[in-house]
PDB file of N, CA and C in Angstrom:
ATOM      1  N   MET A   1       0.620  -1.561   0.190  1.00  0.00           N
ATOM      2  CA  MET A   1      -0.448   0.294   0.081  1.00  0.00           C
ATOM      3  C   MET A   1       0.692   0.844   0.143  1.00  0.00           C
ATOM      4  N   THR A   2       0.269   1.887  -0.941  1.00  0.00           N
ATOM      5  CA  THR A   2       0.814   3.829  -0.865  1.00  0.00           C
ATOM      6  C   THR A   2       1.191   4.110   0.159  1.00  0.00           C
ATOM      7  N   VAL A   3       1.780   4.600   0.499  1.00  0.00           N
ATOM      8  CA  VAL A   3       1.660   6.428   1.704  1.00  0.00           C
ATOM      9  C   VAL A   3       0.513   7.506   1.627  1.00  0.00           C
ATOM     10  N   GLY A   4       0.797   7.652  -0.130  1.00  0.00           N
ATOM     11  CA  GLY A   4      -1.197   8.502   0.128  1.00  0.00           C
ATOM     12  C   GLY A   4      -1.406   7.844  -0.330  1.00  0.00           C
ATOM     13  N   TRP A   5      -2.137   6.361  -0.555  1.00  0.00           N
ATOM     14  CA  TRP A   5      -3.218   5.509  -0.157  1.00  0.00           C
ATOM     15  C   TRP A   5      -3.798   5.633   1.353  1.00  0.00           C
ATOM     16  N   MET A   6      -3.070   5.081   2.477  1.00  0.00           N
ATOM     17  CA  MET A   6      -2.488   5.215   3.423  1.00  0.00           C
ATOM     18  C   MET A   6      -2.687   6.141   4.522  1.00  0.00           C
ATOM     19  N   ILE A   7      -2.553   7.603   3.967  1.00  0.00           N
ATOM     20  CA  ILE A   7      -3.390   9.229   4.324  1.00  0.00           C
ATOM     21  C   ILE A   7      -4.922   8.716   3.425  1.00  0.00           C
ATOM     22  N   PHE A   8      -5.073   8.517   2.408  1.00  0.00           N
ATOM     23  CA  PHE A   8      -6.506   8.183   2.711  1.00  0.00           C
ATOM     24  C   PHE A   8      -7.585   8.124   2.997  1.00  0.00           C
ATOM     25  N   LEU A   9      -6.686   6.797   3.988  1.00  0.00           N
ATOM     26  CA  LEU A   9      -7.618   5.687   3.778  1.00  0.00           C
ATOM     27  C   LEU A   9      -8.204   5.298   5.957  1.00  0.00           C
ATOM     28  N   PHE A  10      -6.756   6.848   6.725  1.00  0.00           N
ATOM     29  CA  PHE A  10      -6.738   6.437   7.697  1.00  0.00           C
ATOM     30  C   PHE A  10      -6.076   8.144   8.274  1.00  0.00           C
ATOM     31  N   VAL A  11      -5.521   8.919   7.449  1.00  0.00           N
ATOM     32  CA  VAL A  11      -5.078  10.058   8.174  1.00  0.00           C
ATOM     33  C   VAL A  11      -6.331  11.271   8.475  1.00  0.00           C
ATOM     34  N   ILE A  12      -7.084  11.317   6.560  1.00  0.00           N
ATOM     35  CA  ILE A  12      -8.087  12.309   6.016  1.00  0.00           C
ATOM     36  C   ILE A  12      -8.931  12.152   6.951  1.00  0.00           C
ATOM     37  N   PRO A  13      -9.654  10.516   7.789  1.00  0.00           N
ATOM     38  CA  PRO A  13     -10.950  10.547   8.181  1.00  0.00           C
ATOM     39  C   PRO A  13     -10.182  10.851  10.263  1.00  0.00           C
ATOM     40  N   ILE A  14      -9.732  10.493  10.458  1.00  0.00           N
ATOM     41  CA  ILE A  14      -9.268  10.651  12.243  1.00  0.00           C
ATOM     42  C   ILE A  14      -9.044  12.427  12.254  1.00  0.00           C
ATOM     43  N   VAL A  15      -9.190  13.370  11.381  1.00  0.00           N
ATOM     44  CA  VAL A  15      -8.191  14.490  10.875  1.00  0.00           C
ATOM     45  C   VAL A  15      -9.762  15.440  10.536  1.00  0.00           C
ATOM     46  N   VAL A  16     -10.738  14.190   9.928  1.00  0.00           N
ATOM     47  CA  VAL A  16     -12.512  15.155   9.819  1.00  0.00           C
ATOM     48  C   VAL A  16     -12.943  15.090  11.202  1.00  0.00           C
ATOM     49  N   LEU A  17     -12.403  13.504  11.883  1.00  0.00           N
ATOM     50  CA  LEU A  17     -13.861  13.345  13.214  1.00  0.00           C
ATOM     51  C   LEU A  17     -13.272  14.185  14.224  1.00  0.00           C
ATOM     52  N   TRP A  18     -11.757  14.321  14.068  1.00  0.00           N
ATOM     53  CA  TRP A  18     -10.992  15.313  15.299  1.00  0.00           C
ATOM     54  C   TRP A  18     -11.923  16.981  15.042  1.00  0.00           C
ATOM     55  N   GLY A  19     -11.190  17.205  13.632  1.00  0.00           N
ATOM     56  CA  GLY A  19     -11.846  18.750  13.292  1.00  0.00           C
ATOM     57  C   GLY A  19     -13.098  18.732  13.640  1.00  0.00           C
ATOM     58  N   ALA A  20     -14.310  17.557  13.212  1.00  0.00           N
ATOM     59  CA  ALA A  20     -16.164  17.732  14.049  1.00  0.00           C
ATOM     60  C   ALA A  20     -16.079  17.482  15.841  1.00  0.00           C
ATOM     61  N   LEU A  21     -15.409  17.123  16.055  1.00  0.00           N
ATOM     62  CA  LEU A  21     -14.844  17.089  17.338  1.00  0.00           C
ATOM     63  C   LEU A  21     -15.262  18.003  18.393  1.00  0.00           C
ATOM     64  N   LEU A  22     -13.636  18.584  17.997  1.00  0.00           N
ATOM     65  CA  LEU A  22     -13.612  19.925  18.500  1.00  0.00           C
ATOM     66  C   LEU A  22     -14.762  21.448  18.261  1.00  0.00           C
ATOM     67  N   ILE A  23     -15.133  21.483  16.813  1.00  0.00           N
ATOM     68  CA  ILE A  23     -16.731  22.198  16.303  1.00  0.00           C
ATOM     69  C   ILE A  23     -17.127  21.788  17.893  1.00  0.00           C
ATOM     70  N   ASP A  24     -18.173  20.363  17.754  1.00  0.00           N
ATOM     71  CA  ASP A  24     -19.084  19.966  18.385  1.00  0.00           C
ATOM     72  C   ASP A  24     -18.660  20.974  19.892  1.00  0.00           C
ATOM     73  N   LEU A  25     -17.824  20.509  20.948  1.00  0.00           N
ATOM     74  CA  LEU A  25     -17.156  21.443  21.995  1.00  0.00           C
ATOM     75  C   LEU A  25     -17.188  22.843  22.249  1.00  0.00           C
ATOM     76  N   VAL A  26     -16.741  23.218  20.876  1.00  0.00           N
ATOM     77  CA  VAL A  26     -17.015  25.052  20.696  1.00  0.00           C
ATOM     78  C   VAL A  26     -18.409  25.271  20.778  1.00  0.00           C
ATOM     79  N   ARG A  27     -19.136  24.159  19.868  1.00  0.00           N
ATOM     80  CA  ARG A  27     -20.333  25.387  20.339  1.00  0.00           C
ATOM     81  C   ARG A  27     -21.383  25.219  21.574  1.00  0.00           C
ATOM     82  N   ARG A  28     -20.440  23.582  22.024  1.00  0.00           N
ATOM     83  CA  ARG A  28     -21.185  23.642  23.382  1.00  0.00           C
ATOM     84  C   ARG A  28     -21.520  24.949  23.892  1.00  0.00           C
ATOM     85  N   ASN A  29     -22.997  24.582  24.983  1.00  0.00           N
ATOM     86  CA  ASN A  29     -22.918  25.713  26.401  1.00  0.00           C
ATOM     87  C   ASN A  29     -23.161  25.152  27.653  1.00  0.00           C
ATOM     88  N   ASP A  30     -23.201  23.824  27.467  1.00  0.00           N
ATOM     89  CA  ASP A  30     -23.573  22.804  28.867  1.00  0.00           C
ATOM     90  C   ASP A  30     -22.771  22.000  29.208  1.00  0.00           C
ATOM     91  N   ILE A  31     -21.422  23.030  28.969  1.00  0.00           N
ATOM     92  CA  ILE A  31     -20.349  22.509  29.832  1.00  0.00           C
ATOM     93  C   ILE A  31     -19.097  23.095  29.900  1.00  0.00           C
ATOM     94  N   THR A  32     -17.963  23.382  30.538  1.00  0.00           N
ATOM     95  CA  THR A  32     -17.517  24.692  30.630  1.00  0.00           C
ATOM     96  C   THR A  32     -16.699  24.532  30.465  1.00  0.00           C
ATOM     97  N   LEU A  33     -15.917  25.811  29.710  1.00  0.00           N
ATOM     98  CA  LEU A  33     -14.414  25.582  29.313  1.00  0.00           C
ATOM     99  C   LEU A  33     -13.355  24.939  30.239  1.00  0.00           C
ATOM    100  N   ALA A  34     -13.301  24.429  31.165  1.00  0.00           N
ATOM    101  CA  ALA A  34     -12.015  23.737  31.680  1.00  0.00           C
ATOM    102  C   ALA A  34     -12.540  21.757  30.894  1.00  0.00           C
ATOM    103  N   LYS A  35     -13.292  21.726  30.913  1.00  0.00           N
ATOM    104  CA  LYS A  35     -14.600  20.685  31.084  1.00  0.00           C
ATOM    105  C   LYS A  35     -14.249  20.562  29.415  1.00  0.00           C
ATOM    106  N   LYS A  36     -13.790  21.351  27.858  1.00  0.00           N
ATOM    107  CA  LYS A  36     -14.428  20.804  26.351  1.00  0.00           C
ATOM    108  C   LYS A  36     -12.773  20.909  26.856  1.00  0.00           C
ATOM    109  N   LEU A  37     -11.500  21.822  27.473  1.00  0.00           N
ATOM    110  CA  LEU A  37     -10.301  21.448  26.983  1.00  0.00           C
ATOM    111  C   LEU A  37      -9.984  20.045  27.537  1.00  0.00           C
ATOM    112  N   LEU A  38     -10.372  19.378  28.549  1.00  0.00           N
ATOM    113  CA  LEU A  38     -10.117  18.058  29.520  1.00  0.00           C
ATOM    114  C   LEU A  38     -10.765  17.093  28.330  1.00  0.00           C
ATOM    115  N   TRP A  39     -12.065  17.576  27.378  1.00  0.00           N
ATOM    116  CA  TRP A  39     -12.420  16.422  26.234  1.00  0.00           C
ATOM    117  C   TRP A  39     -11.649  16.471  25.122  1.00  0.00           C
ATOM    118  N   GLY A  40     -11.174  17.946  24.812  1.00  0.00           N
ATOM    119  CA  GLY A  40     -10.273  17.753  23.351  1.00  0.00           C
ATOM    120  C   GLY A  40      -9.199  17.340  23.526  1.00  0.00           C
ATOM    121  N   GLY A  41      -8.279  17.794  25.065  1.00  0.00           N
ATOM    122  CA  GLY A  41      -6.778  17.134  24.817  1.00  0.00           C
ATOM    123  C   GLY A  41      -7.003  15.811  24.731  1.00  0.00           C
ATOM    124  N   PHE A  42      -7.709  15.005  24.970  1.00  0.00           N
ATOM    125  CA  PHE A  42      -8.429  13.325  25.265  1.00  0.00           C
ATOM    126  C   PHE A  42      -8.892  13.181  24.374  1.00  0.00           C
ATOM    127  N   THR A  43      -9.545  14.226  22.917  1.00  0.00           N
ATOM    128  CA  THR A  43     -10.087  13.386  22.184  1.00  0.00           C
ATOM    129  C   THR A  43      -8.607  13.099  21.388  1.00  0.00           C
ATOM    130  N   LEU A  44      -7.965  14.946  21.396  1.00  0.00           N
ATOM    131  CA  LEU A  44      -6.450  14.843  19.987  1.00  0.00           C
ATOM    132  C   LEU A  44      -5.373  13.221  20.471  1.00  0.00           C
ATOM    133  N   ALA A  45      -5.325  13.032  22.009  1.00  0.00           N
ATOM    134  CA  ALA A  45      -4.117  12.656  22.622  1.00  0.00           C
ATOM    135  C   ALA A  45      -4.475  10.973  22.721  1.00  0.00           C
ATOM    136  N   THR A  46      -6.219  10.735  22.506  1.00  0.00           N
ATOM    137  CA  THR A  46      -5.739   9.290  22.542  1.00  0.00           C
ATOM    138  C   THR A  46      -6.469   8.365  21.142  1.00  0.00           C
ATOM    139  N   ALA A  47      -6.714   9.580  20.157  1.00  0.00           N
ATOM    140  CA  ALA A  47      -7.058   9.430  18.171  1.00  0.00           C
ATOM    141  C   ALA A  47      -8.486   8.544  18.698  1.00  0.00           C
ATOM    142  N   GLU A  48      -8.777   7.382  17.992  1.00  0.00           N
ATOM    143  CA  GLU A  48      -9.789   7.425  17.478  1.00  0.00           C
ATOM    144  C   GLU A  48     -10.475   6.688  18.507  1.00  0.00           C
ATOM    145  N   PHE A  49      -9.737   6.041  19.978  1.00  0.00           N
ATOM    146  CA  PHE A  49     -10.598   5.864  21.179  1.00  0.00           C
ATOM    147  C   PHE A  49     -11.384   7.465  21.935  1.00  0.00           C
ATOM    148  N   GLY A  50     -10.708   8.175  21.752  1.00  0.00           N
ATOM    149  CA  GLY A  50     -10.659   9.100  22.499  1.00  0.00           C
ATOM    150  C   GLY A  50     -12.406  10.036  21.743  1.00  0.00           C
ATOM    151  N   ALA A  51     -11.651   9.783  20.151  1.00  0.00           N
ATOM    152  CA  ALA A  51     -13.884  10.005  19.706  1.00  0.00           C
ATOM    153  C   ALA A  51     -14.212   9.274  20.037  1.00  0.00           C
ATOM    154  N   ILE A  52     -14.225   7.830  20.078  1.00  0.00           N
ATOM    155  CA  ILE A  52     -15.319   6.643  20.058  1.00  0.00           C
ATOM    156  C   ILE A  52     -15.681   7.435  21.639  1.00  0.00           C
ATOM    157  N   VAL A  53     -15.423   7.288  23.136  1.00  0.00           N
ATOM    158  CA  VAL A  53     -15.671   7.860  24.703  1.00  0.00           C
ATOM    159  C   VAL A  53     -15.867   9.133  24.022  1.00  0.00           C
ATOM    160  N   TYR A  54     -15.635   9.979  23.261  1.00  0.00           N
ATOM    161  CA  TYR A  54     -16.693  10.917  23.470  1.00  0.00           C
ATOM    162  C   TYR A  54     -18.563  10.879  22.895  1.00  0.00           C
ATOM    163  N   ILE A  55     -17.893  10.980  21.589  1.00  0.00           N
ATOM    164  CA  ILE A  55     -19.749  10.113  21.097  1.00  0.00           C
ATOM    165  C   ILE A  55     -20.786   9.267  21.747  1.00  0.00           C
ATOM    166  N   LEU A  56     -19.763   8.880  23.139  1.00  0.00           N
ATOM    167  CA  LEU A  56     -20.625   7.454  23.169  1.00  0.00           C
ATOM    168  C   LEU A  56     -21.156   8.091  24.796  1.00  0.00           C
ATOM    169  N   MET A  57     -19.921   8.849  25.508  1.00  0.00           N
ATOM    170  CA  MET A  57     -20.284   9.977  26.759  1.00  0.00           C
ATOM    171  C   MET A  57     -21.768  11.174  25.825  1.00  0.00           C
ATOM    172  N   ARG A  58     -21.573  11.982  24.643  1.00  0.00           N
ATOM    173  CA  ARG A  58     -22.428  13.222  24.434  1.00  0.00           C
ATOM    174  C   ARG A  58     -23.277  12.751  24.882  1.00  0.00           C
ATOM    175  N   PRO A  59     -24.179  14.114  25.704  1.00  0.00           N
ATOM    176  CA  PRO A  59     -25.172  13.493  25.367  1.00  0.00           C
ATOM    177  C   PRO A  59     -26.535  13.739  24.180  1.00  0.00           C
ATOM    178  N   ILE A  60     -27.766  12.510  23.645  1.00  0.00           N
ATOM    179  CA  ILE A  60     -28.533  12.510  22.856  1.00  0.00           C
ATOM    180  C   ILE A  60     -29.274  14.350  22.504  1.00  0.00           C
ATOM    181  N   ARG A  61     -29.560  14.752  21.856  1.00  0.00           N
ATOM    182  CA  ARG A  61     -30.450  15.602  21.072  1.00  0.00           C
ATOM    183  C   ARG A  61     -31.410  16.356  20.508  1.00  0.00           C
ATOM    184  N   TYR A  62     -32.414  16.604  20.689  1.00  0.00           N
ATOM    185  CA  TYR A  62     -33.698  15.662  19.148  1.00  0.00           C
ATOM    186  C   TYR A  62     -34.044  17.641  19.172  1.00  0.00           C
ATOM    187  N   PRO A  63     -35.226  17.811  17.916  1.00  0.00           N
ATOM    188  CA  PRO A  63     -35.422  18.809  17.735  1.00  0.00           C
ATOM    189  C   PRO A  63     -36.700  18.730  18.900  1.00  0.00           C
ATOM    190  N   GLU A  64     -37.523  17.483  19.643  1.00  0.00           N
ATOM    191  CA  GLU A  64     -38.033  18.003  21.032  1.00  0.00           C
ATOM    192  C   GLU A  64     -37.693  17.749  21.955  1.00  0.00           C
ATOM    193  N   ASP A  65     -36.469  18.825  22.068  1.00  0.00           N
ATOM    194  CA  ASP A  65     -36.571  19.655  23.293  1.00  0.00           C
ATOM    195  C   ASP A  65     -35.976  20.398  23.279  1.00  0.00           C
ATOM    196  N   GLY A  66     -36.299  21.069  21.949  1.00  0.00           N
ATOM    197  CA  GLY A  66     -35.822  22.643  21.589  1.00  0.00           C
ATOM    198  C   GLY A  66     -34.943  23.250  22.968  1.00  0.00           C
ATOM    199  N   VAL A  67     -33.855  22.184  21.187  1.00  0.00           N
ATOM    200  CA  VAL A  67     -31.902  22.312  21.892  1.00  0.00           C
ATOM    201  C   VAL A  67     -31.793  23.719  20.852  1.00  0.00           C
ATOM    202  N   GLY A  68     -32.831  23.612  18.913  1.00  0.00           N
ATOM    203  CA  GLY A  68     -32.202  24.945  18.674  1.00  0.00           C
ATOM    204  C   GLY A  68     -31.831  26.329  18.225  1.00  0.00           C
ATOM    205  N   ALA A  69     -31.067  26.396  17.962  1.00  0.00           N
ATOM    206  CA  ALA A  69     -30.934  27.798  18.402  1.00  0.00           C
ATOM    207  C   ALA A  69     -31.789  28.667  18.736  1.00  0.00           C
ATOM    208  N   GLY A  70     -31.358  29.672  20.198  1.00  0.00           N
ATOM    209  CA  GLY A  70     -33.545  30.587  19.976  1.00  0.00           C
ATOM    210  C   GLY A  70     -34.418  29.938  19.763  1.00  0.00           C
ATOM    211  N   ALA A  71     -34.135  28.799  19.570  1.00  0.00           N
ATOM    212  CA  ALA A  71     -35.983  28.163  19.538  1.00  0.00           C
ATOM    213  C   ALA A  71     -36.801  28.009  20.363  1.00  0.00           C
ATOM    214  N   GLU A  72     -37.619  28.204  20.200  1.00  0.00           N
ATOM    215  CA  GLU A  72     -38.610  27.336  22.071  1.00  0.00           C
ATOM    216  C   GLU A  72     -39.456  26.775  22.121  1.00  0.00           C
ATOM    217  N   ASN A  73     -39.842  26.141  23.209  1.00  0.00           N
ATOM    218  CA  ASN A  73     -40.867  24.855  22.662  1.00  0.00           C
ATOM    219  C   ASN A  73     -41.802  25.172  22.257  1.00  0.00           C
ATOM    220  N   ASP A  74     -42.533  26.012  22.377  1.00  0.00           N
ATOM    221  CA  ASP A  74     -44.100  25.778  21.373  1.00  0.00           C
ATOM    222  C   ASP A  74     -43.684  25.554  19.953  1.00  0.00           C
ATOM    223  N   VAL A  75     -42.930  26.427  19.191  1.00  0.00           N
ATOM    224  CA  VAL A  75     -42.081  26.381  18.041  1.00  0.00           C
ATOM    225  C   VAL A  75     -41.545  25.496  18.278  1.00  0.00           C
ATOM    226  N   VAL A  76     -41.493  24.659  18.673  1.00  0.00           N
ATOM    227  CA  VAL A  76     -40.716  23.134  18.271  1.00  0.00           C
ATOM    228  C   VAL A  76     -42.420  22.252  18.202  1.00  0.00           C
ATOM    229  N   GLU A  77     -42.862  22.299  18.070  1.00  0.00           N
ATOM    230  CA  GLU A  77     -43.869  21.735  18.701  1.00  0.00           C
ATOM    231  C   GLU A  77     -44.867  22.451  17.875  1.00  0.00           C
ATOM    232  N   GLN A  78     -44.917  23.122  17.611  1.00  0.00           N
ATOM    233  CA  GLN A  78     -45.441  23.745  16.069  1.00  0.00           C
ATOM    234  C   GLN A  78     -44.404  23.506  14.666  1.00  0.00           C
ATOM    235  N   LEU A  79     -44.052  23.357  14.345  1.00  0.00           N
ATOM    236  CA  LEU A  79     -42.903  22.541  13.279  1.00  0.00           C
ATOM    237  C   LEU A  79     -42.910  20.594  13.452  1.00  0.00           C
ATOM    238  N   LEU A  80     -42.806  20.218  14.363  1.00  0.00           N
ATOM    239  CA  LEU A  80     -42.927  18.931  14.545  1.00  0.00           C
ATOM    240  C   LEU A  80     -44.397  18.529  14.164  1.00  0.00           C
ATOM    241  N   GLU A  81     -45.576  19.177  14.531  1.00  0.00           N
ATOM    242  CA  GLU A  81     -46.775  18.884  13.917  1.00  0.00           C
ATOM    243  C   GLU A  81     -47.302  19.457  12.845  1.00  0.00           C
ATOM    244  N   ALA A  82     -47.026  20.001  12.229  1.00  0.00           N
ATOM    245  CA  ALA A  82     -46.138  20.697  10.682  1.00  0.00           C
ATOM    246  C   ALA A  82     -46.328  19.472   9.833  1.00  0.00           C
ATOM    247  N   VAL A  83     -44.987  19.380  10.465  1.00  0.00           N
ATOM    248  CA  VAL A  83     -44.540  17.820   9.425  1.00  0.00           C
ATOM    249  C   VAL A  83     -45.386  16.878   9.441  1.00  0.00           C
ATOM    250  N   GLU A  84     -45.588  16.451  10.704  1.00  0.00           N
ATOM    251  CA  GLU A  84     -46.417  14.929  10.687  1.00  0.00           C
ATOM    252  C   GLU A  84     -47.401  14.887   9.665  1.00  0.00           C
ATOM    253  N   THR A  85     -48.445  16.809   9.885  1.00  0.00           N
ATOM    254  CA  THR A  85     -49.600  16.142   9.242  1.00  0.00           C
ATOM    255  C   THR A  85     -49.689  16.704   8.016  1.00  0.00           C
ATOM    256  N   GLY A  86     -48.531  17.541   7.059  1.00  0.00           N
ATOM    257  CA  GLY A  86     -47.781  17.276   5.775  1.00  0.00           C
ATOM    258  C   GLY A  86     -48.616  18.849   5.355  1.00  0.00           C
ATOM    259  N   ASP A  87     -48.453  19.660   7.224  1.00  0.00           N
ATOM    260  CA  ASP A  87     -49.687  21.245   6.016  1.00  0.00           C
ATOM    261  C   ASP A  87     -49.328  21.691   5.639  1.00  0.00           C
ATOM    262  N   SER A  88     -48.729  22.239   5.406  1.00  0.00           N
ATOM    263  CA  SER A  88     -47.191  23.148   3.999  1.00  0.00           C
ATOM    264  C   SER A  88     -47.981  24.754   4.226  1.00  0.00           C
ATOM    265  N   SER A  89     -49.311  24.821   4.577  1.00  0.00           N
ATOM    266  CA  SER A  89     -49.133  26.200   5.127  1.00  0.00           C
ATOM    267  C   SER A  89     -48.789  26.650   6.814  1.00  0.00           C
ATOM    268  N   ALA A  90     -49.170  25.323   7.375  1.00  0.00           N
ATOM    269  CA  ALA A  90     -49.339  25.393   8.687  1.00  0.00           C
ATOM    270  C   ALA A  90     -47.113  25.663   8.905  1.00  0.00           C
ATOM    271  N   LEU A  91     -47.045  24.541   7.862  1.00  0.00           N
ATOM    272  CA  LEU A  91     -45.316  24.636   7.903  1.00  0.00           C
ATOM    273  C   LEU A  91     -44.829  26.065   7.710  1.00  0.00           C
ATOM    274  N   SER A  92     -45.144  27.170   6.742  1.00  0.00           N
ATOM    275  CA  SER A  92     -44.660  27.692   6.521  1.00  0.00           C
ATOM    276  C   SER A  92     -44.944  28.053   7.168  1.00  0.00           C
ATOM    277  N   SER A  93     -46.151  28.712   7.709  1.00  0.00           N
ATOM    278  CA  SER A  93     -45.456  30.023   9.062  1.00  0.00           C
ATOM    279  C   SER A  93     -45.606  29.839  10.421  1.00  0.00           C
ATOM    280  N   ALA A  94     -44.663  28.067  10.727  1.00  0.00           N
ATOM    281  CA  ALA A  94     -44.637  28.309  12.163  1.00  0.00           C
ATOM    282  C   ALA A  94     -43.006  27.957  10.801  1.00  0.00           C
ATOM    283  N   ARG A  95     -42.470  28.617  10.578  1.00  0.00           N
ATOM    284  CA  ARG A  95     -41.075  28.250   9.866  1.00  0.00           C
ATOM    285  C   ARG A  95     -41.041  29.506   9.891  1.00  0.00           C
ATOM    286  N   ASN A  96     -41.592  30.724   9.963  1.00  0.00           N
ATOM    287  CA  ASN A  96     -41.430  32.217   9.435  1.00  0.00           C
ATOM    288  C   ASN A  96     -41.501  31.918  11.651  1.00  0.00           C
ATOM    289  N   THR A  97     -42.632  32.291  12.298  1.00  0.00           N
ATOM    290  CA  THR A  97     -42.412  32.196  13.231  1.00  0.00           C
ATOM    291  C   THR A  97     -41.069  31.800  13.927  1.00  0.00           C
ATOM    292  N   ALA A  98     -40.407  31.043  13.780  1.00  0.00           N
ATOM    293  CA  ALA A  98     -39.143  29.945  14.653  1.00  0.00           C
ATOM    294  C   ALA A  98     -38.207  31.616  13.773  1.00  0.00           C
ATOM    295  N   LEU A  99     -38.190  31.759  13.321  1.00  0.00           N
ATOM    296  CA  LEU A  99     -37.833  33.111  11.969  1.00  0.00           C
ATOM    297  C   LEU A  99     -37.095  33.693  12.673  1.00  0.00           C
ATOM    298  N   SER A 100     -38.545  35.039  12.679  1.00  0.00           N
ATOM    299  CA  SER A 100     -39.140  35.791  12.997  1.00  0.00           C
ATOM    300  C   SER A 100     -38.241  35.365  15.215  1.00  0.00           C
ATOM    301  N   ARG A 101     -38.642  34.797  15.766  1.00  0.00           N
ATOM    302  CA  ARG A 101     -38.168  34.219  16.887  1.00  0.00           C
ATOM    303  C   ARG A 101     -36.239  34.326  17.655  1.00  0.00           C
ATOM    304  N   PHE A 102     -36.085  33.641  15.951  1.00  0.00           N
ATOM    305  CA  PHE A 102     -34.365  33.198  15.953  1.00  0.00           C
ATOM    306  C   PHE A 102     -34.121  34.756  15.523  1.00  0.00           C
ATOM    307  N   ASN A 103     -34.017  35.931  14.771  1.00  0.00           N
ATOM    308  CA  ASN A 103     -33.567  37.498  14.507  1.00  0.00           C
ATOM    309  C   ASN A 103     -34.063  38.194  15.885  1.00  0.00           C
ATOM    310  N   ASP A 104     -35.154  38.424  16.783  1.00  0.00           N
ATOM    311  CA  ASP A 104     -35.350  38.885  16.984  1.00  0.00           C
ATOM    312  C   ASP A 104     -33.890  39.491  18.850  1.00  0.00           C
TER     313      ASP A 104
END
């Protein structure tokens, strides 16, 4: 196997995974800066093992939780209900409400 293929198969996916995890760490607002630094160091130091541990330990978030940036629970519920019923006018209205609250 040539060096180019080894980089393509191993190095690039690891770098992409690290990048995604570090971006996720920076964006999280449910943990302190110290924990972010510890997770980042652990993930970078232990390669794939650290990435897998971080992914398994990270809390799962769903749209129903109203976790979106600036979203409130009632807007999320309206969006989900409009999607479930397939009502395009309700979906458009809920979308506009969510966007207006986000921009405020």
